[in-house]
Amino acid sequence: MNKSSPSYTLYLSCSWYYDNTYKELLALLDLIKEFRYEIRTLPVDITRSSRNKGRRRYQRIKNVMDNSDALLVLGGVYPLYQDLLGKEIMACKNNQSKPLIVIKREAERQISPVVSQYADRIVEWRAEDIIKTIRELIPGNA
């Protein structure tokens, strides 16, 4: 790893709680040795807690998103996470208008219309494509 290479802080959406895709994404990003990144997300127990609804949920997401360079969303339609995903998109786009990158693991998988509407880019499940997109969409780190 080149110590002078830029580092990216990436907020992983709640959509990554699905299956083992979270770990698989990290393994995929690690394939490119010169790509440095840090992952931010909210713990599952906090996001699913009934104490973290509405404005409180949004504020917790925003606090983490404020220190992130982009939002990464797993392509798909996730009815159980609709409210949480909506708040992540609001935190991503309302204040700083950070890039929202959708990663499609399966070509045939549909993407939520709301996610598609706000996505800056939709990319396939390939390390080179994901990293190239991150570098293109995050100014000052390239």
Protein backbone atom coordinates (compact mmCIF):
# COMPACT_ATOMS: atom_id res chain seq x y z
CA MET A 1 0.00 0.00 0.00
CA ASN A 2 1.35 3.39 -0.97
CA LYS A 3 1.34 5.63 2.12
CA SER A 4 0.81 8.71 -0.04
CA SER A 5 -2.30 7.29 -1.71
CA PRO A 6 -5.52 9.02 -0.68
CA SER A 7 -7.79 7.52 1.92
CA TYR A 8 -11.58 7.44 1.62
CA THR A 9 -14.13 7.29 4.42
CA LEU A 10 -17.12 5.33 3.20
CA TYR A 11 -20.50 5.08 4.89
CA LEU A 12 -22.02 1.66 4.27
CA SER A 13 -25.80 1.68 4.08
CA CYS A 14 -28.03 -0.52 6.18
CA SER A 15 -28.64 -2.46 2.95
CA TRP A 16 -25.29 -4.18 3.59
CA TYR A 17 -26.71 -5.96 6.65
CA TYR A 18 -28.09 -8.47 4.19
CA ASP A 19 -26.38 -11.88 4.28
CA ASN A 20 -22.56 -11.84 4.12
CA THR A 21 -22.35 -9.06 1.57
CA TYR A 22 -20.73 -6.64 4.04
CA LYS A 23 -17.71 -8.92 4.49
CA GLU A 24 -17.65 -9.77 0.80
CA LEU A 25 -17.56 -6.09 -0.16
CA LEU A 26 -14.61 -5.44 2.16
CA ALA A 27 -12.78 -8.44 0.68
CA LEU A 28 -13.51 -7.09 -2.80
CA LEU A 29 -12.16 -3.62 -1.96
CA ASP A 30 -9.08 -5.18 -0.38
CA LEU A 31 -8.19 -6.79 -3.72
CA ILE A 32 -6.81 -3.43 -4.88
CA LYS A 33 -3.83 -2.97 -2.56
CA GLU A 34 -3.25 0.73 -3.30
CA PHE A 35 -6.85 1.62 -2.36
CA ARG A 36 -7.06 2.90 1.22
CA TYR A 37 -10.41 3.27 2.94
CA GLU A 38 -12.18 3.41 6.25
CA ILE A 39 -15.70 2.12 6.78
CA ARG A 40 -18.38 3.95 8.78
CA THR A 41 -21.83 2.61 9.55
CA LEU A 42 -24.29 2.36 12.39
CA PRO A 43 -24.34 -0.85 14.40
CA VAL A 44 -27.26 -3.14 13.62
CA ASP A 45 -28.57 -3.07 17.19
CA ILE A 46 -28.80 0.74 17.10
CA THR A 47 -30.52 0.91 13.72
CA ARG A 48 -33.08 -1.72 14.66
CA SER A 49 -33.81 -0.33 18.11
CA SER A 50 -37.31 1.03 18.67
CA ARG A 51 -35.66 3.87 20.63
CA ASN A 52 -34.02 5.15 17.44
CA LYS A 53 -36.91 6.23 15.25
CA GLY A 54 -37.76 9.40 13.37
CA ARG A 55 -35.58 12.43 14.04
CA ARG A 56 -33.34 10.58 16.49
CA ARG A 57 -32.54 7.93 13.85
CA TYR A 58 -31.81 10.60 11.24
CA GLN A 59 -29.51 12.50 13.62
CA ARG A 60 -27.50 9.38 14.44
CA ILE A 61 -27.06 8.64 10.73
CA LYS A 62 -26.17 12.27 9.97
CA ASN A 63 -23.54 12.34 12.71
CA VAL A 64 -21.74 9.41 11.10
CA MET A 65 -22.38 10.61 7.53
CA ASP A 66 -20.89 14.05 8.30
CA ASN A 67 -17.46 12.43 8.59
CA SER A 68 -17.83 10.25 5.50
CA ASP A 69 -16.93 10.94 1.87
CA ALA A 70 -19.71 8.90 0.23
CA LEU A 71 -22.64 6.57 0.81
CA LEU A 72 -22.41 3.03 -0.60
CA VAL A 73 -25.71 1.21 -1.10
CA LEU A 74 -26.17 -2.43 -2.10
CA GLY A 75 -28.38 -2.59 -5.19
CA GLY A 76 -31.77 -4.12 -4.49
CA VAL A 77 -35.17 -3.42 -2.98
CA TYR A 78 -35.26 -3.70 0.81
CA PRO A 79 -38.75 -3.04 2.21
CA LEU A 80 -37.61 -3.72 5.79
CA TYR A 81 -35.00 -0.97 5.54
CA GLN A 82 -37.06 1.59 3.61
CA ASP A 83 -37.24 4.14 6.45
CA LEU A 84 -33.61 3.69 7.43
CA LEU A 85 -32.40 3.87 3.83
CA GLY A 86 -34.49 6.99 3.25
CA LYS A 87 -32.83 8.69 6.22
CA GLU A 88 -29.40 7.66 4.96
CA ILE A 89 -30.17 9.22 1.58
CA MET A 90 -31.42 12.42 3.26
CA ALA A 91 -28.25 12.66 5.37
CA CYS A 92 -26.13 12.03 2.28
CA LYS A 93 -27.84 14.52 -0.02
CA ASN A 94 -29.36 17.27 2.14
CA ASN A 95 -26.36 18.90 3.75
CA GLN A 96 -23.24 18.24 1.75
CA SER A 97 -24.64 16.40 -1.27
CA LYS A 98 -22.16 13.56 -0.95
CA PRO A 99 -21.93 10.92 -3.68
CA LEU A 100 -24.35 8.00 -3.44
CA ILE A 101 -22.89 4.93 -5.15
CA VAL A 102 -25.07 1.88 -5.76
CA ILE A 103 -23.28 -1.43 -6.16
CA LYS A 104 -25.17 -4.10 -8.08
CA ARG A 105 -24.12 -7.56 -7.08
CA GLU A 106 -26.52 -9.32 -9.40
CA ALA A 107 -27.22 -7.87 -12.84
CA GLU A 108 -30.88 -8.88 -12.72
CA ARG A 109 -31.54 -7.39 -9.29
CA GLN A 110 -33.92 -4.44 -9.28
CA ILE A 111 -33.02 -1.21 -7.54
CA SER A 112 -35.44 0.80 -5.47
CA PRO A 113 -36.81 3.76 -7.47
CA VAL A 114 -35.86 6.17 -4.67
CA VAL A 115 -32.30 4.85 -4.56
CA SER A 116 -32.06 5.05 -8.38
CA GLN A 117 -33.34 8.63 -8.33
CA TYR A 118 -30.62 9.83 -5.93
CA ALA A 119 -27.75 7.61 -7.11
CA ASP A 120 -24.79 9.42 -8.58
CA ARG A 121 -23.60 6.19 -10.13
CA ILE A 122 -24.67 2.55 -10.34
CA VAL A 123 -21.77 0.11 -10.72
CA GLU A 124 -21.35 -3.64 -11.08
CA TRP A 125 -19.79 -5.90 -8.45
CA ARG A 126 -16.19 -5.49 -9.63
CA ALA A 127 -13.43 -4.01 -7.48
CA GLU A 128 -11.96 -1.96 -10.32
CA ASP A 129 -15.34 -0.40 -11.21
CA ILE A 130 -16.23 0.41 -7.60
CA ILE A 131 -12.87 1.98 -6.81
CA LYS A 132 -12.73 3.91 -10.09
CA THR A 133 -16.17 5.37 -9.33
CA ILE A 134 -15.20 6.33 -5.77
CA ARG A 135 -12.09 8.09 -7.05
CA GLU A 136 -14.04 9.93 -9.76
CA LEU A 137 -16.87 11.10 -7.50
CA ILE A 138 -14.93 12.22 -4.44
CA PRO A 139 -13.12 15.46 -5.27
CA GLY A 140 -9.80 16.25 -3.71
CA ASN A 141 -8.91 12.62 -3.02
CA ALA A 142 -7.93 11.59 -6.54
